[in-house]
Amino acid sequence: MIFKVTLSKASLFALTLLTLLSCSKDEDEEKQVDNCCDFPVEGTCDNPENFVFVEKDNLINVEFEDAAFTTDWELVKTDKNSSGKGYMVWNGAQSLGTPGKGLTKFKIKVNNPGIYRFVWRSAIKTGTSGSDHNDSWLRFNDANDFYGEKTSGSIVYPGGSGKTPTPNGTSTDGWFKIYRSGNDLDFKWQASTSDNDSHNIFVKFTTAAEYTMEVSARSTGHAIDKFVLYKESEYTLEQATTSTVLSEIVCK
């Protein structure tokens, strides 16, 4: 009788031990499954060419350096007046009449369609004149509309868009020359088109979708730090440009 009780305890101990070992093995297998993808995989957001900037609450807020650039664009990190990792400056040759040189692209996911104002923060890093080395090219080729507008209601369209009137100065193939003015050469928020007849920049997105913003070099020494797109019905210029919340980046 004593032998049977002892055997029963031994059996119970063995059964408990097997159960614990089995549970431990199951947990290890679960841990292995949970940790299977801790390494970088294709599609993670480490390649700027795959970045998509997500509009939220009628605002897109992007550090200009968060894109893929050709070698004549330089990232400068030493200016305390720039935000993010620094600013990009064009050090290549001037391209005053031919857009497309030093092309960079920004994919933008619009969730709330409508009309957005565009403005960027730029500076002049070559020379001492506020009217030279002060511009770059901009295009929204797949947007539903892209135009410059004054508060008076005057509207201009990019050359080559099939719409009129077009701005003063050079404009071709859907590209606007986007300039800043004034002799305060350091970074400031301004984006205008049409020489000596400043028009603000607007983009119309009629459907929630992904769109492409293109920037190409025009003037040597034009530096760009950041840009925003925002609905004027929801934000003032100051509110949009002082927002500290950057747009979420996802990857294609």
Foldseek 3Di string as FASTA:
>chain_A
DVVVVVVVVVVVVVVVVVVVVVVVVVVVVVVCVVCVPPDDDPFFPPALCFKEFEDDPQKAKWWPVSWDWDPQWDFDQPDPPFDDNGWIFGADDADAADWDAGKIKYKYFYPDFFKWFKKFKKFFQDDQAQVALFWWKKAFPPFPAKWFADPVGDIAFFAPPPDDDHAAGHGHPRIFIWGDGDRPGHIDIGTFGHPPPTTTIMTGHPDRGMTMMMIGGHHGRMMTTIMMIGDVVRDDPVRRVPDPDHTDIGGD
